[in-house]
Amino acid sequence: MRKNAEKLQKDLDEGLADLAATEKIVAELTATLIELNAAMKIKKDELDTLNFNSATMTRKLNAASQLITGLGGE
């Protein structure tokens, strides 16, 4: 019986060590995910700004082209 209890204790200790290692990995991955999500939000905001600026410049270019075309007909 004593050997069986010792083996069970050893298995429990190994299982707890594995659990602790896995929890550490999960914590590290969670921290990395938080950082990546923050970086993604920043990049998405930059992309939104660039898309807005691009649309604005396209409208201005079209208006300028129409103005030049209209003046060229006079």
PDB file of N, CA and C in Angstrom:
ATOM      1  N   MET A   1       0.801  -1.195   0.000  1.00  0.00           N
ATOM      2  CA  MET A   1       0.000   0.000   0.000  1.00  0.00           C
ATOM      3  C   MET A   1       0.845   1.261   0.000  1.00  0.00           C
ATOM      4  N   ARG A   2       1.925   1.222   0.750  1.00  0.00           N
ATOM      5  CA  ARG A   2       2.776   2.402   0.855  1.00  0.00           C
ATOM      6  C   ARG A   2       3.367   2.755  -0.505  1.00  0.00           C
ATOM      7  N   LYS A   3       3.803   1.723  -1.288  1.00  0.00           N
ATOM      8  CA  LYS A   3       4.365   2.001  -2.618  1.00  0.00           C
ATOM      9  C   LYS A   3       3.317   2.627  -3.518  1.00  0.00           C
ATOM     10  N   ASN A   4       2.101   2.139  -3.410  1.00  0.00           N
ATOM     11  CA  ASN A   4       1.015   2.670  -4.225  1.00  0.00           C
ATOM     12  C   ASN A   4       0.761   4.146  -3.873  1.00  0.00           C
ATOM     13  N   ALA A   5       0.760   4.468  -2.590  1.00  0.00           N
ATOM     14  CA  ALA A   5       0.559   5.847  -2.150  1.00  0.00           C
ATOM     15  C   ALA A   5       1.714   6.725  -2.608  1.00  0.00           C
ATOM     16  N   GLU A   6       2.932   6.208  -2.549  1.00  0.00           N
ATOM     17  CA  GLU A   6       4.095   6.978  -3.005  1.00  0.00           C
ATOM     18  C   GLU A   6       4.010   7.248  -4.503  1.00  0.00           C
ATOM     19  N   LYS A   7       3.581   6.226  -5.265  1.00  0.00           N
ATOM     20  CA  LYS A   7       3.444   6.408  -6.716  1.00  0.00           C
ATOM     21  C   LYS A   7       2.355   7.431  -7.022  1.00  0.00           C
ATOM     22  N   LEU A   8       1.246   7.326  -6.305  1.00  0.00           N
ATOM     23  CA  LEU A   8       0.168   8.297  -6.508  1.00  0.00           C
ATOM     24  C   LEU A   8       0.646   9.711  -6.172  1.00  0.00           C
ATOM     25  N   GLN A   9       1.400   9.867  -5.103  1.00  0.00           N
ATOM     26  CA  GLN A   9       1.919  11.184  -4.726  1.00  0.00           C
ATOM     27  C   GLN A   9       2.878  11.704  -5.796  1.00  0.00           C
ATOM     28  N   LYS A  10       3.736  10.809  -6.297  1.00  0.00           N
ATOM     29  CA  LYS A  10       4.675  11.192  -7.356  1.00  0.00           C
ATOM     30  C   LYS A  10       3.920  11.629  -8.603  1.00  0.00           C
ATOM     31  N   ASP A  11       2.891  10.857  -8.979  1.00  0.00           N
ATOM     32  CA  ASP A  11       2.078  11.215 -10.145  1.00  0.00           C
ATOM     33  C   ASP A  11       1.387  12.559  -9.936  1.00  0.00           C
ATOM     34  N   LEU A  12       0.881  12.770  -8.714  1.00  0.00           N
ATOM     35  CA  LEU A  12       0.227  14.039  -8.402  1.00  0.00           C
ATOM     36  C   LEU A  12       1.214  15.194  -8.515  1.00  0.00           C
ATOM     37  N   ASP A  13       2.409  15.018  -7.952  1.00  0.00           N
ATOM     38  CA  ASP A  13       3.425  16.071  -8.019  1.00  0.00           C
ATOM     39  C   ASP A  13       3.807  16.384  -9.464  1.00  0.00           C
ATOM     40  N   GLU A  14       3.974  15.346 -10.288  1.00  0.00           N
ATOM     41  CA  GLU A  14       4.304  15.557 -11.706  1.00  0.00           C
ATOM     42  C   GLU A  14       3.160  16.254 -12.432  1.00  0.00           C
ATOM     43  N   GLY A  15       1.936  15.847 -12.112  1.00  0.00           N
ATOM     44  CA  GLY A  15       0.769  16.483 -12.733  1.00  0.00           C
ATOM     45  C   GLY A  15       0.667  17.952 -12.361  1.00  0.00           C
ATOM     46  N   LEU A  16       0.925  18.250 -11.093  1.00  0.00           N
ATOM     47  CA  LEU A  16       0.877  19.649 -10.650  1.00  0.00           C
ATOM     48  C   LEU A  16       1.984  20.474 -11.293  1.00  0.00           C
ATOM     49  N   ALA A  17       3.160  19.861 -11.468  1.00  0.00           N
ATOM     50  CA  ALA A  17       4.261  20.568 -12.135  1.00  0.00           C
ATOM     51  C   ALA A  17       3.903  20.841 -13.591  1.00  0.00           C
ATOM     52  N   ASP A  18       3.301  19.850 -14.259  1.00  0.00           N
ATOM     53  CA  ASP A  18       2.865  20.046 -15.649  1.00  0.00           C
ATOM     54  C   ASP A  18       1.803  21.132 -15.731  1.00  0.00           C
ATOM     55  N   LEU A  19       0.877  21.116 -14.784  1.00  0.00           N
ATOM     56  CA  LEU A  19      -0.168  22.130 -14.760  1.00  0.00           C
ATOM     57  C   LEU A  19       0.424  23.525 -14.583  1.00  0.00           C
ATOM     58  N   ALA A  20       1.374  23.657 -13.675  1.00  0.00           N
ATOM     59  CA  ALA A  20       2.010  24.958 -13.446  1.00  0.00           C
ATOM     60  C   ALA A  20       2.735  25.435 -14.703  1.00  0.00           C
ATOM     61  N   ALA A  21       3.430  24.523 -15.373  1.00  0.00           N
ATOM     62  CA  ALA A  21       4.135  24.895 -16.608  1.00  0.00           C
ATOM     63  C   ALA A  21       3.144  25.323 -17.678  1.00  0.00           C
ATOM     64  N   THR A  22       2.042  24.594 -17.795  1.00  0.00           N
ATOM     65  CA  THR A  22       1.021  24.928 -18.794  1.00  0.00           C
ATOM     66  C   THR A  22       0.372  26.274 -18.471  1.00  0.00           C
ATOM     67  N   GLU A  23       0.091  26.521 -17.208  1.00  0.00           N
ATOM     68  CA  GLU A  23      -0.500  27.804 -16.818  1.00  0.00           C
ATOM     69  C   GLU A  23       0.452  28.955 -17.107  1.00  0.00           C
ATOM     70  N   LYS A  24       1.736  28.729 -16.937  1.00  0.00           N
ATOM     71  CA  LYS A  24       2.727  29.767 -17.251  1.00  0.00           C
ATOM     72  C   LYS A  24       2.712  30.068 -18.746  1.00  0.00           C
ATOM     73  N   ILE A  25       2.653  29.027 -19.572  1.00  0.00           N
ATOM     74  CA  ILE A  25       2.614  29.212 -21.024  1.00  0.00           C
ATOM     75  C   ILE A  25       1.345  29.960 -21.422  1.00  0.00           C
ATOM     76  N   VAL A  26       0.219  29.571 -20.824  1.00  0.00           N
ATOM     77  CA  VAL A  26      -1.050  30.239 -21.133  1.00  0.00           C
ATOM     78  C   VAL A  26      -0.979  31.719 -20.749  1.00  0.00           C
ATOM     79  N   ALA A  27      -0.394  32.030 -19.613  1.00  0.00           N
ATOM     80  CA  ALA A  27      -0.262  33.426 -19.181  1.00  0.00           C
ATOM     81  C   ALA A  27       0.607  34.219 -20.157  1.00  0.00           C
ATOM     82  N   GLU A  28       1.705  33.613 -20.610  1.00  0.00           N
ATOM     83  CA  GLU A  28       2.585  34.288 -21.574  1.00  0.00           C
ATOM     84  C   GLU A  28       1.858  34.511 -22.900  1.00  0.00           C
ATOM     85  N   LEU A  29       1.118  33.499 -23.348  1.00  0.00           N
ATOM     86  CA  LEU A  29       0.383  33.635 -24.611  1.00  0.00           C
ATOM     87  C   LEU A  29      -0.724  34.673 -24.489  1.00  0.00           C
ATOM     88  N   THR A  30      -1.367  34.724 -23.334  1.00  0.00           N
ATOM     89  CA  THR A  30      -2.410  35.725 -23.108  1.00  0.00           C
ATOM     90  C   THR A  30      -1.822  37.134 -23.152  1.00  0.00           C
ATOM     91  N   ALA A  31      -0.666  37.319 -22.542  1.00  0.00           N
ATOM     92  CA  ALA A  31      -0.007  38.633 -22.570  1.00  0.00           C
ATOM     93  C   ALA A  31       0.369  39.012 -23.999  1.00  0.00           C
ATOM     94  N   THR A  32       0.882  38.040 -24.750  1.00  0.00           N
ATOM     95  CA  THR A  32       1.235  38.303 -26.145  1.00  0.00           C
ATOM     96  C   THR A  32      -0.001  38.663 -26.958  1.00  0.00           C
ATOM     97  N   LEU A  33      -1.098  37.955 -26.725  1.00  0.00           N
ATOM     98  CA  LEU A  33      -2.339  38.236 -27.438  1.00  0.00           C
ATOM     99  C   LEU A  33      -2.846  39.637 -27.133  1.00  0.00           C
ATOM    100  N   ILE A  34      -2.747  40.052 -25.894  1.00  0.00           N
ATOM    101  CA  ILE A  34      -3.166  41.406 -25.514  1.00  0.00           C
ATOM    102  C   ILE A  34      -2.325  42.447 -26.257  1.00  0.00           C
ATOM    103  N   GLU A  35      -1.015  42.218 -26.309  1.00  0.00           N
ATOM    104  CA  GLU A  35      -0.123  43.139 -27.024  1.00  0.00           C
ATOM    105  C   GLU A  35      -0.457  43.183 -28.514  1.00  0.00           C
ATOM    106  N   LEU A  36      -0.685  42.012 -29.103  1.00  0.00           N
ATOM    107  CA  LEU A  36      -0.996  41.956 -30.531  1.00  0.00           C
ATOM    108  C   LEU A  36      -2.330  42.624 -30.843  1.00  0.00           C
ATOM    109  N   ASN A  37      -3.316  42.439 -29.974  1.00  0.00           N
ATOM    110  CA  ASN A  37      -4.609  43.097 -30.186  1.00  0.00           C
ATOM    111  C   ASN A  37      -4.481  44.608 -30.098  1.00  0.00           C
ATOM    112  N   ALA A  38      -3.656  45.088 -29.174  1.00  0.00           N
ATOM    113  CA  ALA A  38      -3.436  46.532 -29.061  1.00  0.00           C
ATOM    114  C   ALA A  38      -2.739  47.063 -30.310  1.00  0.00           C
ATOM    115  N   ALA A  39      -1.733  46.337 -30.794  1.00  0.00           N
ATOM    116  CA  ALA A  39      -1.024  46.752 -32.012  1.00  0.00           C
ATOM    117  C   ALA A  39      -1.964  46.720 -33.212  1.00  0.00           C
ATOM    118  N   MET A  40      -2.832  45.712 -33.267  1.00  0.00           N
ATOM    119  CA  MET A  40      -3.773  45.611 -34.379  1.00  0.00           C
ATOM    120  C   MET A  40      -4.741  46.795 -34.373  1.00  0.00           C
ATOM    121  N   LYS A  41      -5.200  47.199 -33.184  1.00  0.00           N
ATOM    122  CA  LYS A  41      -6.103  48.350 -33.108  1.00  0.00           C
ATOM    123  C   LYS A  41      -5.420  49.612 -33.611  1.00  0.00           C
ATOM    124  N   ILE A  42      -4.166  49.804 -33.217  1.00  0.00           N
ATOM    125  CA  ILE A  42      -3.415  50.976 -33.682  1.00  0.00           C
ATOM    126  C   ILE A  42      -3.294  50.959 -35.197  1.00  0.00           C
ATOM    127  N   LYS A  43      -2.928  49.812 -35.763  1.00  0.00           N
ATOM    128  CA  LYS A  43      -2.766  49.707 -37.215  1.00  0.00           C
ATOM    129  C   LYS A  43      -4.105  49.883 -37.924  1.00  0.00           C
ATOM    130  N   LYS A  44      -5.190  49.367 -37.338  1.00  0.00           N
ATOM    131  CA  LYS A  44      -6.509  49.532 -37.952  1.00  0.00           C
ATOM    132  C   LYS A  44      -6.905  50.998 -37.957  1.00  0.00           C
ATOM    133  N   ASP A  45      -6.628  51.691 -36.853  1.00  0.00           N
ATOM    134  CA  ASP A  45      -6.923  53.127 -36.798  1.00  0.00           C
ATOM    135  C   ASP A  45      -6.115  53.889 -37.849  1.00  0.00           C
ATOM    136  N   GLU A  46      -4.842  53.511 -38.018  1.00  0.00           N
ATOM    137  CA  GLU A  46      -4.013  54.142 -39.050  1.00  0.00           C
ATOM    138  C   GLU A  46      -4.582  53.871 -40.434  1.00  0.00           C
ATOM    139  N   LEU A  47      -5.016  52.637 -40.674  1.00  0.00           N
ATOM    140  CA  LEU A  47      -5.594  52.287 -41.973  1.00  0.00           C
ATOM    141  C   LEU A  47      -6.861  53.081 -42.223  1.00  0.00           C
ATOM    142  N   ASP A  48      -7.707  53.212 -41.209  1.00  0.00           N
ATOM    143  CA  ASP A  48      -8.939  53.996 -41.359  1.00  0.00           C
ATOM    144  C   ASP A  48      -8.610  55.446 -41.723  1.00  0.00           C
ATOM    145  N   THR A  49      -7.597  56.020 -41.076  1.00  0.00           N
ATOM    146  CA  THR A  49      -7.190  57.396 -41.369  1.00  0.00           C
ATOM    147  C   THR A  49      -6.669  57.507 -42.804  1.00  0.00           C
ATOM    148  N   LEU A  50      -5.843  56.550 -43.208  1.00  0.00           N
ATOM    149  CA  LEU A  50      -5.314  56.573 -44.575  1.00  0.00           C
ATOM    150  C   LEU A  50      -6.423  56.412 -45.614  1.00  0.00           C
ATOM    151  N   ASN A  51      -7.382  55.531 -45.340  1.00  0.00           N
ATOM    152  CA  ASN A  51      -8.502  55.363 -46.274  1.00  0.00           C
ATOM    153  C   ASN A  51      -9.334  56.634 -46.369  1.00  0.00           C
ATOM    154  N   PHE A  52      -9.552  57.297 -45.237  1.00  0.00           N
ATOM    155  CA  PHE A  52     -10.286  58.555 -45.237  1.00  0.00           C
ATOM    156  C   PHE A  52      -9.532  59.611 -46.042  1.00  0.00           C
ATOM    157  N   ASN A  53      -8.223  59.725 -45.804  1.00  0.00           N
ATOM    158  CA  ASN A  53      -7.412  60.702 -46.535  1.00  0.00           C
ATOM    159  C   ASN A  53      -7.394  60.389 -48.030  1.00  0.00           C
ATOM    160  N   SER A  54      -7.327  59.113 -48.364  1.00  0.00           N
ATOM    161  CA  SER A  54      -7.328  58.716 -49.772  1.00  0.00           C
ATOM    162  C   SER A  54      -8.638  59.116 -50.449  1.00  0.00           C
ATOM    163  N   ALA A  55      -9.749  58.867 -49.780  1.00  0.00           N
ATOM    164  CA  ALA A  55     -11.050  59.240 -50.354  1.00  0.00           C
ATOM    165  C   ALA A  55     -11.157  60.754 -50.513  1.00  0.00           C
ATOM    166  N   THR A  56     -10.657  61.492 -49.522  1.00  0.00           N
ATOM    167  CA  THR A  56     -10.679  62.956 -49.601  1.00  0.00           C
ATOM    168  C   THR A  56      -9.836  63.453 -50.771  1.00  0.00           C
ATOM    169  N   MET A  57      -8.637  62.918 -50.920  1.00  0.00           N
ATOM    170  CA  MET A  57      -7.762  63.337 -52.021  1.00  0.00           C
ATOM    171  C   MET A  57      -8.359  62.953 -53.382  1.00  0.00           C
ATOM    172  N   THR A  58      -9.015  61.815 -53.453  1.00  0.00           N
ATOM    173  CA  THR A  58      -9.649  61.399 -54.711  1.00  0.00           C
ATOM    174  C   THR A  58     -10.758  62.374 -55.091  1.00  0.00           C
ATOM    175  N   ARG A  59     -11.575  62.779 -54.106  1.00  0.00           N
ATOM    176  CA  ARG A  59     -12.629  63.763 -54.394  1.00  0.00           C
ATOM    177  C   ARG A  59     -12.028  65.090 -54.855  1.00  0.00           C
ATOM    178  N   LYS A  60     -10.960  65.528 -54.208  1.00  0.00           N
ATOM    179  CA  LYS A  60     -10.313  66.786 -54.604  1.00  0.00           C
ATOM    180  C   LYS A  60      -9.709  66.680 -55.992  1.00  0.00           C
ATOM    181  N   LEU A  61      -9.099  65.529 -56.303  1.00  0.00           N
ATOM    182  CA  LEU A  61      -8.519  65.329 -57.626  1.00  0.00           C
ATOM    183  C   LEU A  61      -9.606  65.347 -58.697  1.00  0.00           C
ATOM    184  N   ASN A  62     -10.723  64.689 -58.419  1.00  0.00           N
ATOM    185  CA  ASN A  62     -11.831  64.695 -59.385  1.00  0.00           C
ATOM    186  C   ASN A  62     -12.387  66.102 -59.586  1.00  0.00           C
ATOM    187  N   ALA A  63     -12.524  66.860 -58.496  1.00  0.00           N
ATOM    188  CA  ALA A  63     -13.029  68.225 -58.605  1.00  0.00           C
ATOM    189  C   ALA A  63     -12.054  69.085 -59.398  1.00  0.00           C
ATOM    190  N   ALA A  64     -10.748  68.911 -59.151  1.00  0.00           N
ATOM    191  CA  ALA A  64      -9.742  69.690 -59.885  1.00  0.00           C
ATOM    192  C   ALA A  64      -9.764  69.307 -61.359  1.00  0.00           C
ATOM    193  N   SER A  65      -9.901  68.028 -61.659  1.00  0.00           N
ATOM    194  CA  SER A  65      -9.949  67.578 -63.063  1.00  0.00           C
ATOM    195  C   SER A  65     -11.161  68.166 -63.768  1.00  0.00           C
ATOM    196  N   GLN A  66     -12.302  68.202 -63.088  1.00  0.00           N
ATOM    197  CA  GLN A  66     -13.505  68.779 -63.701  1.00  0.00           C
ATOM    198  C   GLN A  66     -13.325  70.278 -63.938  1.00  0.00           C
ATOM    199  N   LEU A  67     -12.682  70.943 -62.992  1.00  0.00           N
ATOM    200  CA  LEU A  67     -12.434  72.374 -63.121  1.00  0.00           C
ATOM    201  C   LEU A  67     -11.508  72.635 -64.304  1.00  0.00           C
ATOM    202  N   ILE A  68     -10.435  71.846 -64.427  1.00  0.00           N
ATOM    203  CA  ILE A  68      -9.490  72.025 -65.539  1.00  0.00           C
ATOM    204  C   ILE A  68     -10.194  71.743 -66.860  1.00  0.00           C
ATOM    205  N   THR A  69     -10.996  70.676 -66.886  1.00  0.00           N
ATOM    206  CA  THR A  69     -11.721  70.347 -68.121  1.00  0.00           C
ATOM    207  C   THR A  69     -12.686  71.462 -68.484  1.00  0.00           C
ATOM    208  N   GLY A  70     -13.362  72.002 -67.485  1.00  0.00           N
ATOM    209  CA  GLY A  70     -14.323  73.085 -67.725  1.00  0.00           C
ATOM    210  C   GLY A  70     -13.604  74.337 -68.209  1.00  0.00           C
ATOM    211  N   LEU A  71     -12.462  74.669 -67.662  1.00  0.00           N
ATOM    212  CA  LEU A  71     -11.714  75.845 -68.075  1.00  0.00           C
ATOM    213  C   LEU A  71     -11.100  75.649 -69.447  1.00  0.00           C
ATOM    214  N   GLY A  72     -10.754  74.403 -69.759  1.00  0.00           N
ATOM    215  CA  GLY A  72     -10.150  74.143 -71.070  1.00  0.00           C
ATOM    216  C   GLY A  72     -11.141  74.316 -72.202  1.00  0.00           C
ATOM    217  N   GLY A  73     -12.412  74.225 -71.905  1.00  0.00           N
ATOM    218  CA  GLY A  73     -13.447  74.377 -72.947  1.00  0.00           C
ATOM    219  C   GLY A  73     -13.765  75.818 -73.242  1.00  0.00           C
ATOM    220  N   GLU A  74     -13.247  76.741 -72.479  1.00  0.00           N
ATOM    221  CA  GLU A  74     -13.586  78.167 -72.708  1.00  0.00           C
ATOM    222  C   GLU A  74     -12.724  78.785 -73.758  1.00  0.00           C
TER     223      GLU A  74
END
